[in-house]
Amino acid sequence: MIVVIPFCKTDASEALSLLEWILELGGGAGHDCLLVADAGVSWPVAVELMEAAQKSFHRVDIVCTEEPVSGGPAGPNALFLEAARFARAADKPFLWLEPDAIPTGPKWLERLAAQYKIGKGGYMGHLYKPED
């Protein structure tokens, strides 16, 4: 499974804190990480996050949008599209983990991956109707 951590320049510090917390929980051994950066993020910041992710994950990749995209929903949607393209090319499922989504205990990723396999792949989560 690929753990996708999207970030822009305003939440890069939260993404770094998330990666530090993931390491404290035992990391994501055997799983990959994809950092998806908005093009407005400076390269040194992106490298700092990549180095933090390498302490926890089997493999770490980074992609970014071609142009900075700010505001919602356009910004998050652009980051999600980059992640989906990457995961499709890698032929692996991915977990979208925003910087403010905090794992709550050790083996959190192993438990999620196991539940995903039990569900026989596809989408894991709740689907909302547009009027909801």
Protein backbone atom coordinates (compact mmCIF):
# COMPACT_ATOMS: atom_id res chain seq x y z
CA MET A 1 0.00 0.00 0.00
CA ILE A 2 1.13 3.54 -0.72
CA VAL A 3 0.60 6.08 2.04
CA VAL A 4 -0.03 9.40 0.31
CA ILE A 5 0.72 12.55 2.26
CA PRO A 6 -0.37 15.67 0.36
CA PHE A 7 0.83 19.11 1.38
CA CYS A 8 1.10 22.72 0.33
CA LYS A 9 3.32 25.42 1.77
CA THR A 10 0.82 26.27 4.53
CA ASP A 11 0.61 22.73 5.93
CA ALA A 12 4.12 21.39 5.24
CA SER A 13 5.04 21.73 8.92
CA GLU A 14 1.99 19.63 9.85
CA ALA A 15 3.08 17.01 7.31
CA LEU A 16 6.52 16.91 8.94
CA SER A 17 4.93 16.48 12.38
CA LEU A 18 2.78 13.66 10.99
CA LEU A 19 5.86 11.89 9.61
CA GLU A 20 7.66 12.26 12.94
CA TRP A 21 4.61 10.78 14.70
CA ILE A 22 4.45 7.87 12.24
CA LEU A 23 8.09 7.11 13.07
CA GLU A 24 7.30 7.26 16.79
CA LEU A 25 4.48 4.74 16.25
CA GLY A 26 6.91 2.33 14.61
CA GLY A 27 6.88 3.53 11.02
CA GLY A 28 5.26 2.02 7.98
CA ALA A 29 7.56 -0.96 7.41
CA GLY A 30 6.86 -2.76 4.18
CA HIS A 31 4.78 0.09 2.80
CA ASP A 32 5.62 2.93 0.45
CA CYS A 33 5.07 6.64 0.89
CA LEU A 34 4.19 9.18 -1.74
CA LEU A 35 4.60 12.83 -0.86
CA VAL A 36 2.43 14.99 -3.10
CA ALA A 37 3.51 18.61 -3.01
CA ASP A 38 1.89 21.68 -4.41
CA ALA A 39 4.28 23.40 -6.83
CA GLY A 40 4.37 26.38 -4.46
CA VAL A 41 6.35 24.38 -1.87
CA SER A 42 10.07 25.17 -1.83
CA TRP A 43 12.42 22.34 -2.75
CA PRO A 44 14.31 22.39 0.60
CA VAL A 45 11.02 21.89 2.45
CA ALA A 46 10.09 18.99 0.16
CA VAL A 47 13.51 17.38 0.72
CA GLU A 48 13.11 17.72 4.51
CA LEU A 49 9.81 15.84 4.33
CA MET A 50 11.28 13.21 2.05
CA GLU A 51 14.16 12.60 4.48
CA ALA A 52 11.68 12.27 7.36
CA ALA A 53 9.56 9.80 5.38
CA GLN A 54 12.60 7.67 4.51
CA LYS A 55 13.01 6.87 8.21
CA SER A 56 9.64 5.09 8.27
CA PHE A 57 8.82 3.70 4.84
CA HIS A 58 10.23 1.07 2.50
CA ARG A 59 10.22 3.44 -0.46
CA VAL A 60 9.54 7.18 -0.71
CA ASP A 61 8.62 9.08 -3.85
CA ILE A 62 7.67 12.69 -4.33
CA VAL A 63 5.58 14.29 -7.06
CA CYS A 64 4.20 17.78 -7.39
CA THR A 65 1.63 19.69 -9.34
CA GLU A 66 2.85 21.50 -12.44
CA GLU A 67 1.60 24.85 -11.17
CA PRO A 68 0.72 26.12 -7.70
CA VAL A 69 -2.97 25.57 -6.99
CA SER A 70 -4.43 27.37 -3.99
CA GLY A 71 -7.73 27.19 -2.20
CA GLY A 72 -10.32 24.51 -1.96
CA PRO A 73 -11.46 22.44 -3.52
CA ALA A 74 -9.09 23.06 -6.46
CA GLY A 75 -5.87 22.65 -4.43
CA PRO A 76 -6.70 19.35 -2.70
CA ASN A 77 -8.30 18.03 -5.88
CA ALA A 78 -5.10 18.72 -7.87
CA LEU A 79 -3.02 16.91 -5.26
CA PHE A 80 -5.43 13.95 -5.22
CA LEU A 81 -5.25 13.68 -9.00
CA GLU A 82 -1.44 13.51 -8.88
CA ALA A 83 -1.63 10.76 -6.24
CA ALA A 84 -4.19 8.76 -8.21
CA ARG A 85 -2.07 8.93 -11.36
CA PHE A 86 0.99 7.75 -9.48
CA ALA A 87 -0.83 4.88 -7.76
CA ARG A 88 -2.42 3.78 -11.01
CA ALA A 89 0.97 3.66 -12.73
CA ALA A 90 2.38 1.71 -9.77
CA ASP A 91 -0.69 -0.57 -9.76
CA LYS A 92 -0.99 -0.27 -5.97
CA PRO A 93 -3.77 0.87 -3.66
CA PHE A 94 -3.22 4.08 -1.75
CA LEU A 95 -4.22 5.60 1.54
CA TRP A 96 -4.90 9.34 1.39
CA LEU A 97 -3.51 10.69 4.67
CA GLU A 98 -3.81 14.44 5.03
CA PRO A 99 -1.39 16.14 7.44
CA ASP A 100 -4.14 16.63 10.04
CA ALA A 101 -5.24 12.97 9.95
CA ILE A 102 -3.40 11.42 12.88
CA PRO A 103 -2.85 7.66 13.33
CA THR A 104 -3.78 6.64 16.86
CA GLY A 105 -1.59 3.67 17.68
CA PRO A 106 1.12 1.21 16.73
CA LYS A 107 0.47 -1.05 13.74
CA TRP A 108 -2.18 1.37 12.46
CA LEU A 109 -1.08 0.91 8.87
CA GLU A 110 -0.91 -2.87 9.09
CA ARG A 111 -4.47 -2.93 10.44
CA LEU A 112 -5.76 -0.68 7.67
CA ALA A 113 -3.97 -2.72 4.99
CA ALA A 114 -5.44 -5.94 6.41
CA GLN A 115 -8.96 -4.48 6.37
CA TYR A 116 -8.44 -3.32 2.80
CA LYS A 117 -7.49 -6.87 1.76
CA ILE A 118 -10.52 -8.33 3.56
CA GLY A 119 -12.72 -5.97 1.54
CA LYS A 120 -11.17 -7.38 -1.65
CA GLY A 121 -9.79 -4.06 -2.83
CA GLY A 122 -11.62 -1.25 -4.50
CA TYR A 123 -12.68 1.68 -2.39
CA MET A 124 -12.58 1.60 1.40
CA GLY A 125 -14.52 4.36 3.10
CA HIS A 126 -17.88 6.01 2.98
CA LEU A 127 -19.43 7.25 -0.24
CA TYR A 128 -21.51 10.39 0.15
CA LYS A 129 -24.25 11.53 -2.17
CA PRO A 130 -23.71 15.10 -3.41
CA GLU A 131 -26.73 16.33 -1.47
CA ASP A 132 -25.26 14.95 1.79
